[in-house]
């Protein structure tokens, strides 16, 4: 109840604002659509197709990420930007149809120097104002009055207004959590003892237990959102969850794009090999030589370590971190570099595997939070909770329990 009371209070203080018709937003949308005549003119003169699927994907992803940084729900924002692109193509098709019978007499402004810079400015202005519009007759009348661009079809108009009605903006992550009644936790599910799931439905691990405790502190249930090491930062930037948990190493590359909490565990890269061969590897040079097969899971700090340090040994990129240690045990690979805690765990689960080499690097484990403008309360809240968990010994007890579990 205390967590629910806290979130309710934050919602009242930091709520997303009233859902009102926004004439300025409608005007910006219409202005952007009006530029589609010049875009169409450029494509007409250069014999370019109206549809450019690759560029549309780039535009939608970039716009979604900008919206997420402004506190807009990513899925709703993406639906709006897709509707906007479809409306733009409808308008361009309208002009192509007219020019088939009456070719245009004027040349188009330059797309790169004249049209696109203004479209980017308008996109930023739209993102800054993007919010939910009520499905009321008053709002619809204001929307219809503002959108006067020639060639905009009735279907596109309906789709745009519907997308605005499903676009939610939150003043803070805590306000979003309170409004939706859940904590979204991104986790890879392939890095025991921190996070493990065989089917993306049942989850176990240190950080799974930690996530559930955080949910209890906030008074909301937890929904685990599957991610992967290659896609982790994309998913954070796309706003697919409120926090990423699961043995994530703090590094500068990630910190440039998102916010880290304080650390809750300190570790380092080391090596694991078959016990019969472990004595052969007393230094990094013993591993990095012809004939040694180094196996690595893709996308995370393990692969970055291998890419930076292995030159002579052969490298096997194994896509499933859940089974990668089986490859060493079966003799199809010789060595893997990973964190010390994972070596401890896997030597318990695979009696034929042993640690090799002392720690080669220093790293901290922490939780990762999307970077949203003006939202410091979420990071501060998680840090206070985490500091209390570490100080009480709860995290250490979870680690020992999961490392020694069979």
Foldseek 3Di string as FASTA:
>chain_A
DVLLVVLVVCCVVFNQDDQAQDLVLLLLLQVLLQLLCLVLLQCVVVVHDLDDPVVLVVVLLVLLLLLVQAQKASVLSSLLSVLSSVQSSQQSVVNVVVCVVPNDDDHGDDCPPPRVVVSVVSSNVSSNPQAAHAPDPVSLVSSVVSNDRPRRDPVSSVSNNVSSNVMHGTSAPSNVCSVVQEFEEEEAQQQPQAWHDPPQPDIHHLVVVVVQVVCVSNVGYYDYDHDHLQCVLSCQSSNVGFKYTGQAWDDDVSVVFFPWADFQDKWFKFKKFFPVCQVQFADLVSQQADPAEEEEEPRGVQVVVCVVRHDHYHYHHDHHSNCRVVCRVVVVHGMGIDIPLSQLLVCLVRVRMHTHYDGDGMTTGTMTGGNHPPHPPVSVVVNVVSVVCSVVCVSVVRSVVRSNDD
